[in-house]
N, C-alpha and C. Protein backbone atom coordinates (compact mmCIF):
# COMPACT_ATOMS: atom_id res chain seq x y z
N UNK A 1 -75.82 126.18 -37.47
CA UNK A 1 -75.66 126.82 -36.17
C UNK A 1 -77.01 126.51 -35.37
N UNK A 2 -78.08 126.75 -36.01
CA UNK A 2 -79.30 126.24 -35.19
C UNK A 2 -79.20 124.99 -34.60
N UNK A 3 -78.83 123.96 -35.09
CA UNK A 3 -78.68 122.43 -34.94
C UNK A 3 -77.74 122.27 -33.42
N UNK A 4 -76.87 123.23 -33.39
CA UNK A 4 -75.73 123.04 -32.25
C UNK A 4 -76.43 123.68 -31.11
N UNK A 5 -77.64 124.55 -31.14
CA UNK A 5 -78.26 125.08 -30.03
C UNK A 5 -79.35 124.14 -29.57
N UNK A 6 -80.07 123.39 -30.55
CA UNK A 6 -81.08 122.67 -30.16
C UNK A 6 -80.41 121.21 -29.74
N UNK A 7 -79.53 120.72 -30.39
CA UNK A 7 -79.33 119.36 -30.04
C UNK A 7 -78.79 119.06 -28.77
N UNK A 8 -78.27 119.83 -27.62
CA UNK A 8 -78.30 119.69 -26.33
C UNK A 8 -79.31 119.45 -25.57
N UNK A 9 -80.38 120.45 -25.80
CA UNK A 9 -81.57 120.62 -25.20
C UNK A 9 -82.52 119.06 -25.51
N UNK A 10 -82.36 118.89 -26.74
CA UNK A 10 -83.28 117.55 -26.97
C UNK A 10 -82.49 116.36 -26.25
N UNK A 11 -81.19 116.42 -26.18
CA UNK A 11 -80.32 115.24 -25.68
C UNK A 11 -80.86 115.25 -24.07
N UNK A 12 -80.88 116.43 -23.57
CA UNK A 12 -81.25 116.82 -21.99
C UNK A 12 -82.63 116.13 -21.87
N UNK A 13 -83.43 116.39 -22.71
CA UNK A 13 -84.98 116.12 -22.70
C UNK A 13 -85.02 114.45 -22.77
N UNK A 14 -84.41 113.77 -23.60
CA UNK A 14 -84.46 112.56 -23.76
C UNK A 14 -83.90 111.82 -22.34
N UNK A 15 -82.82 112.38 -21.95
CA UNK A 15 -82.07 111.90 -20.79
C UNK A 15 -83.05 111.84 -19.57
N UNK A 16 -84.16 112.86 -19.60
CA UNK A 16 -85.21 112.94 -18.61
C UNK A 16 -86.25 112.08 -18.81
N UNK A 17 -86.35 111.49 -20.24
CA UNK A 17 -87.53 110.68 -20.35
C UNK A 17 -88.74 111.19 -21.10
N UNK A 18 -88.54 112.36 -21.42
CA UNK A 18 -89.38 113.54 -22.16
C UNK A 18 -89.20 113.50 -23.64
N UNK A 19 -90.38 113.74 -24.02
CA UNK A 19 -90.68 114.11 -25.68
C UNK A 19 -89.78 115.22 -26.04
N UNK A 20 -89.15 115.17 -27.25
CA UNK A 20 -88.19 116.42 -27.73
C UNK A 20 -88.95 117.45 -28.37
N UNK A 21 -90.13 117.02 -28.77
CA UNK A 21 -91.19 118.18 -29.54
C UNK A 21 -91.88 118.74 -28.65
N UNK A 22 -92.77 118.03 -27.47
CA UNK A 22 -93.68 118.74 -26.85
C UNK A 22 -93.15 118.82 -25.06
N UNK A 23 -92.18 118.01 -24.84
CA UNK A 23 -91.93 117.64 -23.41
C UNK A 23 -92.80 116.94 -22.61
N UNK A 24 -93.65 116.09 -23.17
CA UNK A 24 -94.63 115.48 -22.18
C UNK A 24 -93.72 114.03 -21.79
N UNK A 25 -94.20 113.32 -20.82
CA UNK A 25 -93.55 112.12 -20.05
C UNK A 25 -93.74 111.14 -21.00
N UNK A 26 -92.59 110.67 -21.55
CA UNK A 26 -92.66 109.25 -22.63
C UNK A 26 -93.09 108.03 -21.60
N UNK A 27 -93.27 107.96 -20.69
CA UNK A 27 -94.04 106.92 -20.12
C UNK A 27 -95.29 106.76 -20.02
N UNK A 28 -95.90 107.70 -20.50
CA UNK A 28 -97.35 107.81 -20.69
C UNK A 28 -97.94 107.47 -22.18
N UNK A 29 -96.93 107.35 -23.04
CA UNK A 29 -96.88 107.39 -24.55
C UNK A 29 -97.37 105.82 -24.88
N UNK A 30 -98.14 105.66 -25.96
CA UNK A 30 -98.26 104.22 -26.46
C UNK A 30 -97.16 103.55 -26.48
N UNK A 31 -97.22 102.22 -26.21
CA UNK A 31 -96.07 101.44 -26.13
C UNK A 31 -96.30 100.01 -26.92
N UNK A 32 -95.36 99.64 -27.67
CA UNK A 32 -95.39 98.37 -28.61
C UNK A 32 -94.05 97.59 -28.54
N UNK A 33 -94.15 96.50 -28.81
CA UNK A 33 -92.89 95.74 -28.78
C UNK A 33 -91.98 96.00 -30.08
N UNK A 34 -90.77 96.12 -29.70
CA UNK A 34 -89.73 96.11 -31.02
C UNK A 34 -88.58 95.50 -30.60
N UNK A 35 -87.73 95.18 -31.87
CA UNK A 35 -86.81 94.14 -31.82
C UNK A 35 -85.70 94.54 -30.77
N UNK A 36 -85.48 95.95 -30.71
CA UNK A 36 -84.27 96.43 -30.06
C UNK A 36 -84.72 97.10 -28.51
N UNK A 37 -85.91 96.95 -28.09
CA UNK A 37 -86.47 97.28 -26.85
C UNK A 37 -88.09 97.46 -26.84
N UNK A 38 -88.49 98.86 -26.90
CA UNK A 38 -89.99 98.98 -26.73
C UNK A 38 -90.08 100.26 -27.62
N UNK A 39 -90.91 100.42 -28.49
CA UNK A 39 -91.35 101.38 -29.21
C UNK A 39 -92.45 102.28 -28.60
N UNK A 40 -92.07 103.51 -28.36
CA UNK A 40 -93.08 104.22 -27.66
C UNK A 40 -93.53 105.70 -28.68
N UNK A 41 -94.91 105.83 -28.74
CA UNK A 41 -95.18 107.11 -29.34
C UNK A 41 -95.78 107.85 -28.58
N UNK A 42 -95.52 109.37 -28.47
CA UNK A 42 -95.73 110.31 -28.04
C UNK A 42 -97.40 110.56 -28.03
N UNK A 43 -98.24 110.60 -26.95
CA UNK A 43 -99.56 110.77 -26.90
C UNK A 43 -100.12 112.29 -27.65
N UNK A 44 -99.11 113.29 -27.32
CA UNK A 44 -99.55 114.52 -27.78
C UNK A 44 -99.03 114.69 -28.99
N UNK A 45 -97.60 114.77 -29.34
CA UNK A 45 -97.35 115.03 -30.76
C UNK A 45 -97.33 113.87 -31.85
N UNK A 46 -97.09 112.75 -31.39
CA UNK A 46 -96.97 111.70 -32.26
C UNK A 46 -95.54 111.06 -32.71
N UNK A 47 -94.53 111.81 -32.01
CA UNK A 47 -93.15 111.08 -32.51
C UNK A 47 -92.88 110.06 -31.63
N UNK A 48 -92.14 109.00 -32.55
CA UNK A 48 -91.67 107.98 -32.11
C UNK A 48 -90.29 107.75 -31.67
N UNK A 49 -90.30 106.85 -30.52
CA UNK A 49 -88.88 106.74 -29.78
C UNK A 49 -88.83 105.17 -29.59
N UNK A 50 -87.57 104.95 -29.37
CA UNK A 50 -87.05 103.62 -28.91
C UNK A 50 -86.63 103.43 -27.79
N UNK A 51 -87.11 102.83 -26.73
CA UNK A 51 -86.46 102.68 -25.50
C UNK A 51 -85.82 101.36 -25.33
N UNK A 52 -84.33 101.46 -25.08
CA UNK A 52 -83.55 100.41 -25.30
C UNK A 52 -83.69 99.36 -24.00
N UNK A 53 -83.77 98.23 -24.11
CA UNK A 53 -84.39 97.26 -23.09
C UNK A 53 -83.15 96.94 -22.27
N UNK A 54 -81.72 97.27 -22.55
CA UNK A 54 -80.67 97.06 -21.50
C UNK A 54 -80.27 98.29 -20.74
N UNK A 55 -80.35 99.41 -21.34
CA UNK A 55 -80.29 100.56 -20.44
C UNK A 55 -81.47 101.19 -20.18
N UNK A 56 -82.56 101.21 -20.78
CA UNK A 56 -83.66 102.08 -20.47
C UNK A 56 -83.78 103.49 -20.99
N UNK A 57 -82.62 103.72 -21.64
CA UNK A 57 -82.71 105.15 -22.20
C UNK A 57 -83.54 105.38 -23.57
N UNK A 58 -84.06 106.17 -23.76
CA UNK A 58 -84.87 106.80 -25.05
C UNK A 58 -83.68 107.26 -26.19
N UNK A 59 -84.25 106.99 -27.38
CA UNK A 59 -83.79 107.62 -28.61
C UNK A 59 -84.67 107.70 -29.64
N UNK A 60 -84.57 108.73 -30.47
CA UNK A 60 -85.54 108.99 -31.58
C UNK A 60 -85.59 107.80 -32.49
N UNK A 61 -86.57 107.09 -33.00
CA UNK A 61 -86.70 106.20 -33.68
C UNK A 61 -86.16 106.46 -35.36
N UNK A 62 -85.34 105.51 -36.01
CA UNK A 62 -85.06 105.74 -37.51
C UNK A 62 -86.12 105.82 -38.38
N UNK A 63 -86.05 106.38 -39.41
CA UNK A 63 -87.33 106.16 -40.64
C UNK A 63 -87.48 104.78 -40.69
N UNK A 64 -86.25 103.79 -40.87
CA UNK A 64 -86.49 102.51 -41.23
C UNK A 64 -87.51 101.65 -39.99
N UNK A 65 -87.04 102.19 -38.85
CA UNK A 65 -87.75 101.55 -37.78
C UNK A 65 -89.50 102.08 -37.57
N UNK A 66 -89.84 103.05 -38.22
CA UNK A 66 -91.25 103.47 -37.88
C UNK A 66 -92.01 102.44 -39.02
């Protein structure tokens, strides 16, 4: 049940380009190249995201991508 409440909030934050953990703007994070786009690490909490090079949308990085 808890996941059903949190998932829409996290999806909304990612659509706004913000970190799902602390809410900071991901455009200010550390960037590195990645095969599927750009790897972005949040400056505040350290969560890792992948920015898709075609659509420009963020998603959480999989364990294998870290």
